[in-house]
Amino acid sequence: QVQLVESGGGLVQPGGSLRLSCAASGSIFGINAMGWYRQAPGKQRELVAIITTGGSINYADSVKGRFTISRDNAKNTVYLQMNSLKPEDTAVYYCNAIKWGLPNWGQGTQVTVSS
């Protein structure tokens, strides 16, 4: 099994920044992509950003230019740098790792953007 542990969520004012981290452990061989999803109250979970082991990156249109995903393969960790945060970015953010085509999920970390 893959264990994913997220950190870095919290409360921030509009326009502020946060950095999320997700460390993978356990049976990590075969992971070919890691990323971040989010789920706001009353809404479906949606993709925020994803990065493959080859370095390909995709972002949701709503975060392009504000969020940056990166990974440290030596540490089996993926990061999400979030800048210019907006109230509509408020959600639980979930780390995701794709292994052999199947998703693995972290427990989620709350991000709240409010003045």
PDB file of N, CA and C in Angstrom:
ATOM      1  N   GLN A   1       0.823  -1.196   0.000  1.00  0.00           N
ATOM      2  CA  GLN A   1       0.000   0.000   0.000  1.00  0.00           C
ATOM      3  C   GLN A   1       0.860   1.250   0.000  1.00  0.00           C
ATOM      4  N   VAL A   2       0.268   2.304  -0.522  1.00  0.00           N
ATOM      5  CA  VAL A   2       0.921   3.604  -0.530  1.00  0.00           C
ATOM      6  C   VAL A   2       0.313   4.468   0.564  1.00  0.00           C
ATOM      7  N   GLN A   3       1.171   5.041   1.386  1.00  0.00           N
ATOM      8  CA  GLN A   3       0.716   6.001   2.384  1.00  0.00           C
ATOM      9  C   GLN A   3       1.095   7.402   1.924  1.00  0.00           C
ATOM     10  N   LEU A   4       0.141   8.303   2.004  1.00  0.00           N
ATOM     11  CA  LEU A   4       0.346   9.689   1.612  1.00  0.00           C
ATOM     12  C   LEU A   4       0.007  10.585   2.797  1.00  0.00           C
ATOM     13  N   VAL A   5       0.946  11.422   3.181  1.00  0.00           N
ATOM     14  CA  VAL A   5       0.747  12.302   4.330  1.00  0.00           C
ATOM     15  C   VAL A   5       0.900  13.742   3.859  1.00  0.00           C
ATOM     16  N   GLU A   6      -0.198  14.497   3.984  1.00  0.00           N
ATOM     17  CA  GLU A   6      -0.193  15.899   3.553  1.00  0.00           C
ATOM     18  C   GLU A   6       0.098  16.816   4.732  1.00  0.00           C
ATOM     19  N   SER A   7       0.627  17.973   4.437  1.00  0.00           N
ATOM     20  CA  SER A   7       0.831  19.004   5.448  1.00  0.00           C
ATOM     21  C   SER A   7       0.847  20.366   4.758  1.00  0.00           C
ATOM     22  N   GLY A   8       0.665  21.405   5.561  1.00  0.00           N
ATOM     23  CA  GLY A   8       0.805  22.756   5.044  1.00  0.00           C
ATOM     24  C   GLY A   8      -0.486  23.535   4.878  1.00  0.00           C
ATOM     25  N   GLY A   9      -1.622  22.923   5.154  1.00  0.00           N
ATOM     26  CA  GLY A   9      -2.877  23.660   5.045  1.00  0.00           C
ATOM     27  C   GLY A   9      -3.030  24.662   6.169  1.00  0.00           C
ATOM     28  N   GLY A  10      -4.091  25.472   6.078  1.00  0.00           N
ATOM     29  CA  GLY A  10      -4.349  26.435   7.127  1.00  0.00           C
ATOM     30  C   GLY A  10      -5.240  27.558   6.658  1.00  0.00           C
ATOM     31  N   LEU A  11      -5.262  28.609   7.448  1.00  0.00           N
ATOM     32  CA  LEU A  11      -6.060  29.797   7.167  1.00  0.00           C
ATOM     33  C   LEU A  11      -5.154  30.893   6.628  1.00  0.00           C
ATOM     34  N   VAL A  12      -5.566  31.505   5.531  1.00  0.00           N
ATOM     35  CA  VAL A  12      -4.773  32.570   4.926  1.00  0.00           C
ATOM     36  C   VAL A  12      -5.717  33.625   4.382  1.00  0.00           C
ATOM     37  N   GLN A  13      -5.265  34.851   4.352  1.00  0.00           N
ATOM     38  CA  GLN A  13      -6.074  35.945   3.810  1.00  0.00           C
ATOM     39  C   GLN A  13      -6.029  35.937   2.279  1.00  0.00           C
ATOM     40  N   PRO A  14      -7.046  36.479   1.655  1.00  0.00           N
ATOM     41  CA  PRO A  14      -7.004  36.590   0.185  1.00  0.00           C
ATOM     42  C   PRO A  14      -5.740  37.299  -0.286  1.00  0.00           C
ATOM     43  N   GLY A  15      -5.164  36.755  -1.340  1.00  0.00           N
ATOM     44  CA  GLY A  15      -3.905  37.286  -1.844  1.00  0.00           C
ATOM     45  C   GLY A  15      -2.679  36.655  -1.229  1.00  0.00           C
ATOM     46  N   GLY A  16      -2.882  35.861  -0.203  1.00  0.00           N
ATOM     47  CA  GLY A  16      -1.761  35.229   0.475  1.00  0.00           C
ATOM     48  C   GLY A  16      -1.289  33.957  -0.203  1.00  0.00           C
ATOM     49  N   SER A  17      -0.336  33.292   0.444  1.00  0.00           N
ATOM     50  CA  SER A  17       0.278  32.090  -0.110  1.00  0.00           C
ATOM     51  C   SER A  17       0.320  30.975   0.919  1.00  0.00           C
ATOM     52  N   LEU A  18       0.295  29.759   0.411  1.00  0.00           N
ATOM     53  CA  LEU A  18       0.493  28.557   1.215  1.00  0.00           C
ATOM     54  C   LEU A  18       1.268  27.554   0.378  1.00  0.00           C
ATOM     55  N   ARG A  19       1.973  26.678   1.064  1.00  0.00           N
ATOM     56  CA  ARG A  19       2.678  25.595   0.380  1.00  0.00           C
ATOM     57  C   ARG A  19       2.256  24.267   0.997  1.00  0.00           C
ATOM     58  N   LEU A  20       1.696  23.415   0.186  1.00  0.00           N
ATOM     59  CA  LEU A  20       1.302  22.088   0.628  1.00  0.00           C
ATOM     60  C   LEU A  20       2.396  21.082   0.278  1.00  0.00           C
ATOM     61  N   SER A  21       2.558  20.101   1.152  1.00  0.00           N
ATOM     62  CA  SER A  21       3.505  19.020   0.910  1.00  0.00           C
ATOM     63  C   SER A  21       2.797  17.689   1.055  1.00  0.00           C
ATOM     64  N   CYS A  22       3.250  16.710   0.300  1.00  0.00           N
ATOM     65  CA  CYS A  22       2.698  15.360   0.393  1.00  0.00           C
ATOM     66  C   CYS A  22       3.850  14.368   0.266  1.00  0.00           C
ATOM     67  N   ALA A  23       4.073  13.620   1.317  1.00  0.00           N
ATOM     68  CA  ALA A  23       5.137  12.624   1.330  1.00  0.00           C
ATOM     69  C   ALA A  23       4.550  11.237   1.135  1.00  0.00           C
ATOM     70  N   ALA A  24       5.103  10.510   0.178  1.00  0.00           N
ATOM     71  CA  ALA A  24       4.654   9.145  -0.100  1.00  0.00           C
ATOM     72  C   ALA A  24       5.596   8.153   0.560  1.00  0.00           C
ATOM     73  N   SER A  25       5.025   7.093   1.115  1.00  0.00           N
ATOM     74  CA  SER A  25       5.829   6.037   1.718  1.00  0.00           C
ATOM     75  C   SER A  25       5.131   4.709   1.502  1.00  0.00           C
ATOM     76  N   GLY A  26       5.813   3.648   1.928  1.00  0.00           N
ATOM     77  CA  GLY A  26       5.237   2.329   1.745  1.00  0.00           C
ATOM     78  C   GLY A  26       5.628   1.747   0.407  1.00  0.00           C
ATOM     79  N   SER A  27       4.679   1.129  -0.267  1.00  0.00           N
ATOM     80  CA  SER A  27       4.933   0.476  -1.546  1.00  0.00           C
ATOM     81  C   SER A  27       4.840   1.499  -2.670  1.00  0.00           C
ATOM     82  N   ILE A  28       5.908   2.278  -2.850  1.00  0.00           N
ATOM     83  CA  ILE A  28       5.851   3.390  -3.791  1.00  0.00           C
ATOM     84  C   ILE A  28       6.315   3.016  -5.195  1.00  0.00           C
ATOM     85  N   PHE A  29       6.894   1.823  -5.347  1.00  0.00           N
ATOM     86  CA  PHE A  29       7.334   1.424  -6.681  1.00  0.00           C
ATOM     87  C   PHE A  29       6.116   1.329  -7.589  1.00  0.00           C
ATOM     88  N   GLY A  30       6.221   1.917  -8.758  1.00  0.00           N
ATOM     89  CA  GLY A  30       5.117   1.875  -9.703  1.00  0.00           C
ATOM     90  C   GLY A  30       4.293   3.135  -9.749  1.00  0.00           C
ATOM     91  N   ILE A  31       4.548   4.073  -8.841  1.00  0.00           N
ATOM     92  CA  ILE A  31       3.842   5.366  -8.905  1.00  0.00           C
ATOM     93  C   ILE A  31       4.354   6.121 -10.124  1.00  0.00           C
ATOM     94  N   ASN A  32       3.459   6.526 -11.001  1.00  0.00           N
ATOM     95  CA  ASN A  32       3.913   7.259 -12.182  1.00  0.00           C
ATOM     96  C   ASN A  32       3.353   8.673 -12.261  1.00  0.00           C
ATOM     97  N   ALA A  33       2.548   9.052 -11.294  1.00  0.00           N
ATOM     98  CA  ALA A  33       2.061  10.429 -11.263  1.00  0.00           C
ATOM     99  C   ALA A  33       1.595  10.745  -9.851  1.00  0.00           C
ATOM    100  N   MET A  34       1.787  11.992  -9.466  1.00  0.00           N
ATOM    101  CA  MET A  34       1.274  12.469  -8.191  1.00  0.00           C
ATOM    102  C   MET A  34       0.655  13.831  -8.417  1.00  0.00           C
ATOM    103  N   GLY A  35      -0.329  14.135  -7.604  1.00  0.00           N
ATOM    104  CA  GLY A  35      -0.992  15.407  -7.812  1.00  0.00           C
ATOM    105  C   GLY A  35      -1.862  15.810  -6.649  1.00  0.00           C
ATOM    106  N   TRP A  36      -2.617  16.864  -6.888  1.00  0.00           N
ATOM    107  CA  TRP A  36      -3.494  17.426  -5.867  1.00  0.00           C
ATOM    108  C   TRP A  36      -4.898  17.598  -6.439  1.00  0.00           C
ATOM    109  N   TYR A  37      -5.864  17.222  -5.638  1.00  0.00           N
ATOM    110  CA  TYR A  37      -7.272  17.460  -5.912  1.00  0.00           C
ATOM    111  C   TYR A  37      -7.827  18.286  -4.758  1.00  0.00           C
ATOM    112  N   ARG A  38      -8.989  18.861  -4.975  1.00  0.00           N
ATOM    113  CA  ARG A  38      -9.643  19.589  -3.889  1.00  0.00           C
ATOM    114  C   ARG A  38     -11.143  19.393  -3.958  1.00  0.00           C
ATOM    115  N   GLN A  39     -11.751  19.530  -2.794  1.00  0.00           N
ATOM    116  CA  GLN A  39     -13.199  19.392  -2.698  1.00  0.00           C
ATOM    117  C   GLN A  39     -13.742  20.451  -1.760  1.00  0.00           C
ATOM    118  N   ALA A  40     -14.555  21.332  -2.319  1.00  0.00           N
ATOM    119  CA  ALA A  40     -15.213  22.364  -1.528  1.00  0.00           C
ATOM    120  C   ALA A  40     -16.562  21.836  -1.051  1.00  0.00           C
ATOM    121  N   PRO A  41     -17.103  22.416   0.007  1.00  0.00           N
ATOM    122  CA  PRO A  41     -18.405  21.950   0.520  1.00  0.00           C
ATOM    123  C   PRO A  41     -19.478  21.989  -0.564  1.00  0.00           C
ATOM    124  N   GLY A  42     -20.176  20.876  -0.716  1.00  0.00           N
ATOM    125  CA  GLY A  42     -21.262  20.810  -1.683  1.00  0.00           C
ATOM    126  C   GLY A  42     -20.832  20.641  -3.117  1.00  0.00           C
ATOM    127  N   LYS A  43     -19.527  20.467  -3.348  1.00  0.00           N
ATOM    128  CA  LYS A  43     -19.026  20.329  -4.709  1.00  0.00           C
ATOM    129  C   LYS A  43     -18.289  19.014  -4.887  1.00  0.00           C
ATOM    130  N   GLN A  44     -18.107  18.623  -6.145  1.00  0.00           N
ATOM    131  CA  GLN A  44     -17.363  17.410  -6.431  1.00  0.00           C
ATOM    132  C   GLN A  44     -15.864  17.659  -6.304  1.00  0.00           C
ATOM    133  N   ARG A  45     -15.150  16.569  -6.042  1.00  0.00           N
ATOM    134  CA  ARG A  45     -13.699  16.666  -5.996  1.00  0.00           C
ATOM    135  C   ARG A  45     -13.189  16.972  -7.400  1.00  0.00           C
ATOM    136  N   GLU A  46     -12.227  17.891  -7.485  1.00  0.00           N
ATOM    137  CA  GLU A  46     -11.713  18.300  -8.789  1.00  0.00           C
ATOM    138  C   GLU A  46     -10.195  18.305  -8.795  1.00  0.00           C
ATOM    139  N   LEU A  47      -9.650  18.079  -9.978  1.00  0.00           N
ATOM    140  CA  LEU A  47      -8.206  18.111 -10.149  1.00  0.00           C
ATOM    141  C   LEU A  47      -7.700  19.539 -10.010  1.00  0.00           C
ATOM    142  N   VAL A  48      -6.606  19.693  -9.271  1.00  0.00           N
ATOM    143  CA  VAL A  48      -5.934  20.983  -9.169  1.00  0.00           C
ATOM    144  C   VAL A  48      -4.678  20.975 -10.041  1.00  0.00           C
ATOM    145  N   ALA A  49      -3.825  19.990  -9.817  1.00  0.00           N
ATOM    146  CA  ALA A  49      -2.579  19.895 -10.578  1.00  0.00           C
ATOM    147  C   ALA A  49      -2.038  18.486 -10.457  1.00  0.00           C
ATOM    148  N   ILE A  50      -1.324  18.055 -11.496  1.00  0.00           N
ATOM    149  CA  ILE A  50      -0.747  16.723 -11.479  1.00  0.00           C
ATOM    150  C   ILE A  50       0.589  16.761 -12.198  1.00  0.00           C
ATOM    151  N   ILE A  51       1.544  15.948 -11.719  1.00  0.00           N
ATOM    152  CA  ILE A  51       2.862  15.882 -12.328  1.00  0.00           C
ATOM    153  C   ILE A  51       3.256  14.420 -12.462  1.00  0.00           C
ATOM    154  N   THR A  52       3.761  14.048 -13.628  1.00  0.00           N
ATOM    155  CA  THR A  52       4.178  12.670 -13.853  1.00  0.00           C
ATOM    156  C   THR A  52       5.656  12.502 -13.515  1.00  0.00           C
ATOM    157  N   THR A  53       6.084  11.240 -13.451  1.00  0.00           N
ATOM    158  CA  THR A  53       7.494  10.985 -13.181  1.00  0.00           C
ATOM    159  C   THR A  53       8.363  11.529 -14.309  1.00  0.00           C
ATOM    160  N   GLY A  54       7.784  11.660 -15.486  1.00  0.00           N
ATOM    161  CA  GLY A  54       8.515  12.227 -16.615  1.00  0.00           C
ATOM    162  C   GLY A  54       8.557  13.736 -16.618  1.00  0.00           C
ATOM    163  N   GLY A  55       7.822  14.348 -15.681  1.00  0.00           N
ATOM    164  CA  GLY A  55       7.848  15.800 -15.557  1.00  0.00           C
ATOM    165  C   GLY A  55       6.712  16.524 -16.257  1.00  0.00           C
ATOM    166  N   SER A  56       5.801  15.789 -16.871  1.00  0.00           N
ATOM    167  CA  SER A  56       4.648  16.448 -17.496  1.00  0.00           C
ATOM    168  C   SER A  56       3.721  16.982 -16.415  1.00  0.00           C
ATOM    169  N   ILE A  57       3.192  18.169 -16.655  1.00  0.00           N
ATOM    170  CA  ILE A  57       2.362  18.843 -15.651  1.00  0.00           C
ATOM    171  C   ILE A  57       1.064  19.327 -16.295  1.00  0.00           C
ATOM    172  N   ASN A  58      -0.002  19.177 -15.542  1.00  0.00           N
ATOM    173  CA  ASN A  58      -1.295  19.742 -15.938  1.00  0.00           C
ATOM    174  C   ASN A  58      -1.897  20.491 -14.766  1.00  0.00           C
ATOM    175  N   TYR A  59      -2.528  21.617 -15.069  1.00  0.00           N
ATOM    176  CA  TYR A  59      -3.198  22.425 -14.054  1.00  0.00           C
ATOM    177  C   TYR A  59      -4.657  22.630 -14.440  1.00  0.00           C
ATOM    178  N   ALA A  60      -5.491  22.773 -13.433  1.00  0.00           N
ATOM    179  CA  ALA A  60      -6.842  23.244 -13.683  1.00  0.00           C
ATOM    180  C   ALA A  60      -6.766  24.684 -14.168  1.00  0.00           C
ATOM    181  N   ASP A  61      -7.655  25.058 -15.059  1.00  0.00           N
ATOM    182  CA  ASP A  61      -7.644  26.423 -15.589  1.00  0.00           C
ATOM    183  C   ASP A  61      -7.759  27.468 -14.484  1.00  0.00           C
ATOM    184  N   SER A  62      -8.488  27.122 -13.440  1.00  0.00           N
ATOM    185  CA  SER A  62      -8.751  28.077 -12.361  1.00  0.00           C
ATOM    186  C   SER A  62      -7.520  28.414 -11.537  1.00  0.00           C
ATOM    187  N   VAL A  63      -6.461  27.603 -11.650  1.00  0.00           N
ATOM    188  CA  VAL A  63      -5.268  27.854 -10.832  1.00  0.00           C
ATOM    189  C   VAL A  63      -4.037  28.189 -11.668  1.00  0.00           C
ATOM    190  N   LYS A  64      -4.146  28.119 -12.970  1.00  0.00           N
ATOM    191  CA  LYS A  64      -2.999  28.412 -13.831  1.00  0.00           C
ATOM    192  C   LYS A  64      -2.481  29.815 -13.564  1.00  0.00           C
ATOM    193  N   GLY A  65      -1.158  29.898 -13.452  1.00  0.00           N
ATOM    194  CA  GLY A  65      -0.541  31.191 -13.181  1.00  0.00           C
ATOM    195  C   GLY A  65      -0.460  31.553 -11.715  1.00  0.00           C
ATOM    196  N   ARG A  66      -1.160  30.799 -10.865  1.00  0.00           N
ATOM    197  CA  ARG A  66      -1.138  31.081  -9.424  1.00  0.00           C
ATOM    198  C   ARG A  66      -0.533  29.929  -8.619  1.00  0.00           C
ATOM    199  N   PHE A  67      -0.774  28.713  -9.064  1.00  0.00           N
ATOM    200  CA  PHE A  67      -0.283  27.536  -8.347  1.00  0.00           C
ATOM    201  C   PHE A  67       0.854  26.887  -9.132  1.00  0.00           C
ATOM    202  N   THR A  68       1.798  26.302  -8.402  1.00  0.00           N
ATOM    203  CA  THR A  68       2.901  25.581  -9.028  1.00  0.00           C
ATOM    204  C   THR A  68       3.085  24.246  -8.335  1.00  0.00           C
ATOM    205  N   ILE A  69       3.077  23.182  -9.115  1.00  0.00           N
ATOM    206  CA  ILE A  69       3.316  21.847  -8.571  1.00  0.00           C
ATOM    207  C   ILE A  69       4.750  21.451  -8.879  1.00  0.00           C
ATOM    208  N   SER A  70       5.370  20.758  -7.931  1.00  0.00           N
ATOM    209  CA  SER A  70       6.723  20.265  -8.136  1.00  0.00           C
ATOM    210  C   SER A  70       6.897  18.978  -7.334  1.00  0.00           C
ATOM    211  N   ARG A  71       7.965  18.251  -7.638  1.00  0.00           N
ATOM    212  CA  ARG A  71       8.200  17.021  -6.891  1.00  0.00           C
ATOM    213  C   ARG A  71       9.685  16.825  -6.654  1.00  0.00           C
ATOM    214  N   ASP A  72       9.985  16.188  -5.543  1.00  0.00           N
ATOM    215  CA  ASP A  72      11.336  15.798  -5.192  1.00  0.00           C
ATOM    216  C   ASP A  72      11.349  14.282  -5.193  1.00  0.00           C
ATOM    217  N   ASN A  73      11.869  13.703  -6.265  1.00  0.00           N
ATOM    218  CA  ASN A  73      11.825  12.241  -6.390  1.00  0.00           C
ATOM    219  C   ASN A  73      12.652  11.546  -5.320  1.00  0.00           C
ATOM    220  N   ALA A  74      13.730  12.189  -4.895  1.00  0.00           N
ATOM    221  CA  ALA A  74      14.583  11.577  -3.868  1.00  0.00           C
ATOM    222  C   ALA A  74      13.843  11.467  -2.535  1.00  0.00           C
ATOM    223  N   LYS A  75      12.933  12.402  -2.293  1.00  0.00           N
ATOM    224  CA  LYS A  75      12.171  12.401  -1.042  1.00  0.00           C
ATOM    225  C   LYS A  75      10.769  11.841  -1.218  1.00  0.00           C
ATOM    226  N   ASN A  76      10.434  11.427  -2.454  1.00  0.00           N
ATOM    227  CA  ASN A  76       9.082  10.923  -2.739  1.00  0.00           C
ATOM    228  C   ASN A  76       8.022  11.901  -2.257  1.00  0.00           C
ATOM    229  N   THR A  77       8.259  13.157  -2.532  1.00  0.00           N
ATOM    230  CA  THR A  77       7.389  14.215  -2.039  1.00  0.00           C
ATOM    231  C   THR A  77       6.951  15.115  -3.186  1.00  0.00           C
ATOM    232  N   VAL A  78       5.694  15.515  -3.142  1.00  0.00           N
ATOM    233  CA  VAL A  78       5.167  16.469  -4.117  1.00  0.00           C
ATOM    234  C   VAL A  78       4.703  17.706  -3.361  1.00  0.00           C
ATOM    235  N   TYR A  79       4.884  18.848  -3.996  1.00  0.00           N
ATOM    236  CA  TYR A  79       4.556  20.120  -3.369  1.00  0.00           C
ATOM    237  C   TYR A  79       3.544  20.872  -4.242  1.00  0.00           C
ATOM    238  N   LEU A  80       2.781  21.727  -3.573  1.00  0.00           N
ATOM    239  CA  LEU A  80       1.890  22.630  -4.291  1.00  0.00           C
ATOM    240  C   LEU A  80       2.065  24.020  -3.691  1.00  0.00           C
ATOM    241  N   GLN A  81       2.716  24.888  -4.433  1.00  0.00           N
ATOM    242  CA  GLN A  81       2.871  26.272  -4.021  1.00  0.00           C
ATOM    243  C   GLN A  81       1.667  27.051  -4.526  1.00  0.00           C
ATOM    244  N   MET A  82       0.938  27.654  -3.610  1.00  0.00           N
ATOM    245  CA  MET A  82      -0.284  28.359  -3.949  1.00  0.00           C
ATOM    246  C   MET A  82      -0.112  29.839  -3.635  1.00  0.00           C
ATOM    247  N   ASN A  83      -0.158  30.653  -4.657  1.00  0.00           N
ATOM    248  CA  ASN A  83      -0.023  32.098  -4.509  1.00  0.00           C
ATOM    249  C   ASN A  83      -1.304  32.793  -4.930  1.00  0.00           C
ATOM    250  N   SER A  84      -1.431  34.046  -4.554  1.00  0.00           N
ATOM    251  CA  SER A  84      -2.604  34.847  -4.925  1.00  0.00           C
ATOM    252  C   SER A  84      -3.901  34.102  -4.623  1.00  0.00           C
ATOM    253  N   LEU A  85      -3.972  33.566  -3.443  1.00  0.00           N
ATOM    254  CA  LEU A  85      -5.125  32.740  -3.078  1.00  0.00           C
ATOM    255  C   LEU A  85      -6.410  33.555  -3.031  1.00  0.00           C
ATOM    256  N   LYS A  86      -7.486  32.899  -3.430  1.00  0.00           N
ATOM    257  CA  LYS A  86      -8.807  33.521  -3.475  1.00  0.00           C
ATOM    258  C   LYS A  86      -9.760  32.758  -2.559  1.00  0.00           C
ATOM    259  N   PRO A  87     -10.822  33.398  -2.102  1.00  0.00           N
ATOM    260  CA  PRO A  87     -11.795  32.687  -1.272  1.00  0.00           C
ATOM    261  C   PRO A  87     -12.329  31.419  -1.941  1.00  0.00           C
ATOM    262  N   GLU A  88     -12.437  31.434  -3.257  1.00  0.00           N
ATOM    263  CA  GLU A  88     -12.946  30.252  -3.956  1.00  0.00           C
ATOM    264  C   GLU A  88     -11.952  29.097  -3.990  1.00  0.00           C
ATOM    265  N   ASP A  89     -10.736  29.318  -3.509  1.00  0.00           N
ATOM    266  CA  ASP A  89      -9.777  28.225  -3.370  1.00  0.00           C
ATOM    267  C   ASP A  89      -9.996  27.444  -2.072  1.00  0.00           C
ATOM    268  N   THR A  90     -10.879  27.928  -1.231  1.00  0.00           N
ATOM    269  CA  THR A  90     -11.171  27.240   0.025  1.00  0.00           C
ATOM    270  C   THR A  90     -11.724  25.852  -0.252  1.00  0.00           C
ATOM    271  N   ALA A  91     -11.077  24.850   0.344  1.00  0.00           N
ATOM    272  CA  ALA A  91     -11.460  23.460   0.117  1.00  0.00           C
ATOM    273  C   ALA A  91     -10.568  22.551   0.953  1.00  0.00           C
ATOM    274  N   VAL A  92     -10.935  21.282   0.986  1.00  0.00           N
ATOM    275  CA  VAL A  92     -10.016  20.261   1.481  1.00  0.00           C
ATOM    276  C   VAL A  92      -9.177  19.809   0.298  1.00  0.00           C
ATOM    277  N   TYR A  93      -7.879  19.850   0.468  1.00  0.00           N
ATOM    278  CA  TYR A  93      -6.951  19.478  -0.594  1.00  0.00           C
ATOM    279  C   TYR A  93      -6.429  18.070  -0.313  1.00  0.00           C
ATOM    280  N   TYR A  94      -6.534  17.213  -1.323  1.00  0.00           N
ATOM    281  CA  TYR A  94      -6.141  15.822  -1.197  1.00  0.00           C
ATOM    282  C   TYR A  94      -4.953  15.521  -2.104  1.00  0.00           C
ATOM    283  N   CYS A  95      -3.973  14.849  -1.551  1.00  0.00           N
ATOM    284  CA  CYS A  95      -2.864  14.354  -2.342  1.00  0.00           C
ATOM    285  C   CYS A  95      -3.296  13.056  -3.022  1.00  0.00           C
ATOM    286  N   ASN A  96      -2.818  12.878  -4.238  1.00  0.00           N
ATOM    287  CA  ASN A  96      -3.178  11.699  -5.022  1.00  0.00           C
ATOM    288  C   ASN A  96      -1.925  11.124  -5.661  1.00  0.00           C
ATOM    289  N   ALA A  97      -1.825   9.800  -5.641  1.00  0.00           N
ATOM    290  CA  ALA A  97      -0.719   9.113  -6.321  1.00  0.00           C
ATOM    291  C   ALA A  97      -1.312   8.003  -7.181  1.00  0.00           C
ATOM    292  N   ILE A  98      -0.919   7.990  -8.440  1.00  0.00           N
ATOM    293  CA  ILE A  98      -1.397   6.966  -9.358  1.00  0.00           C
ATOM    294  C   ILE A  98      -0.356   5.857  -9.438  1.00  0.00           C
ATOM    295  N   LYS A  99      -0.746   4.666  -9.039  1.00  0.00           N
ATOM    296  CA  LYS A  99       0.136   3.515  -9.074  1.00  0.00           C
ATOM    297  C   LYS A  99      -0.530   2.410  -9.878  1.00  0.00           C
ATOM    298  N   TRP A 100       0.140   1.969 -10.932  1.00  0.00           N
ATOM    299  CA  TRP A 100      -0.404   0.950 -11.810  1.00  0.00           C
ATOM    300  C   TRP A 100      -1.822   1.319 -12.259  1.00  0.00           C
ATOM    301  N   GLY A 101      -2.032   2.627 -12.467  1.00  0.00           N
ATOM    302  CA  GLY A 101      -3.314   3.099 -12.970  1.00  0.00           C
ATOM    303  C   GLY A 101      -4.393   3.287 -11.926  1.00  0.00           C
ATOM    304  N   LEU A 102      -4.072   2.989 -10.683  1.00  0.00           N
ATOM    305  CA  LEU A 102      -5.075   3.104  -9.615  1.00  0.00           C
ATOM    306  C   LEU A 102      -4.731   4.262  -8.690  1.00  0.00           C
ATOM    307  N   PRO A 103      -5.757   4.989  -8.229  1.00  0.00           N
ATOM    308  CA  PRO A 103      -5.501   6.147  -7.371  1.00  0.00           C
ATOM    309  C   PRO A 103      -5.308   5.749  -5.906  1.00  0.00           C
ATOM    310  N   ASN A 104      -4.432   6.458  -5.256  1.00  0.00           N
ATOM    311  CA  ASN A 104      -4.242   6.371  -3.813  1.00  0.00           C
ATOM    312  C   ASN A 104      -4.406   7.780  -3.255  1.00  0.00           C
ATOM    313  N   TRP A 105      -5.047   7.885  -2.095  1.00  0.00           N
ATOM    314  CA  TRP A 105      -5.414   9.187  -1.558  1.00  0.00           C
ATOM    315  C   TRP A 105      -4.831   9.428  -0.172  1.00  0.00           C
ATOM    316  N   GLY A 106      -4.482  10.690   0.065  1.00  0.00           N
ATOM    317  CA  GLY A 106      -4.141  11.110   1.407  1.00  0.00           C
ATOM    318  C   GLY A 106      -5.405  11.440   2.186  1.00  0.00           C
ATOM    319  N   GLN A 107      -5.219  11.858   3.438  1.00  0.00           N
ATOM    320  CA  GLN A 107      -6.363  12.118   4.307  1.00  0.00           C
ATOM    321  C   GLN A 107      -6.959  13.500   4.083  1.00  0.00           C
ATOM    322  N   GLY A 108      -6.232  14.365   3.404  1.00  0.00           N
ATOM    323  CA  GLY A 108      -6.725  15.705   3.112  1.00  0.00           C
ATOM    324  C   GLY A 108      -6.239  16.733   4.107  1.00  0.00           C
ATOM    325  N   THR A 109      -6.095  17.953   3.633  1.00  0.00           N
ATOM    326  CA  THR A 109      -5.712  19.068   4.493  1.00  0.00           C
ATOM    327  C   THR A 109      -6.574  20.273   4.122  1.00  0.00           C
ATOM    328  N   GLN A 110      -7.073  20.949   5.140  1.00  0.00           N
ATOM    329  CA  GLN A 110      -7.993  22.061   4.906  1.00  0.00           C
ATOM    330  C   GLN A 110      -7.232  23.333   4.546  1.00  0.00           C
ATOM    331  N   VAL A 111      -7.677  23.985   3.499  1.00  0.00           N
ATOM    332  CA  VAL A 111      -7.191  25.308   3.124  1.00  0.00           C
ATOM    333  C   VAL A 111      -8.376  26.257   3.163  1.00  0.00           C
ATOM    334  N   THR A 112      -8.261  27.299   3.960  1.00  0.00           N
ATOM    335  CA  THR A 112      -9.327  28.292   4.078  1.00  0.00           C
ATOM    336  C   THR A 112      -8.764  29.659   3.742  1.00  0.00           C
ATOM    337  N   VAL A 113      -9.391  30.305   2.762  1.00  0.00           N
ATOM    338  CA  VAL A 113      -8.972  31.639   2.342  1.00  0.00           C
ATOM    339  C   VAL A 113     -10.071  32.619   2.750  1.00  0.00           C
ATOM    340  N   SER A 114      -9.758  33.433   3.736  1.00  0.00           N
ATOM    341  CA  SER A 114     -10.780  34.327   4.277  1.00  0.00           C
ATOM    342  C   SER A 114     -10.120  35.498   4.977  1.00  0.00           C
ATOM    343  N   SER A 115     -10.799  36.635   4.923  1.00  0.00           N
ATOM    344  CA  SER A 115     -10.305  37.805   5.649  1.00  0.00           C
ATOM    345  C   SER A 115     -10.954  37.880   7.033  1.00  0.00           C
TER     346      SER A 115
END
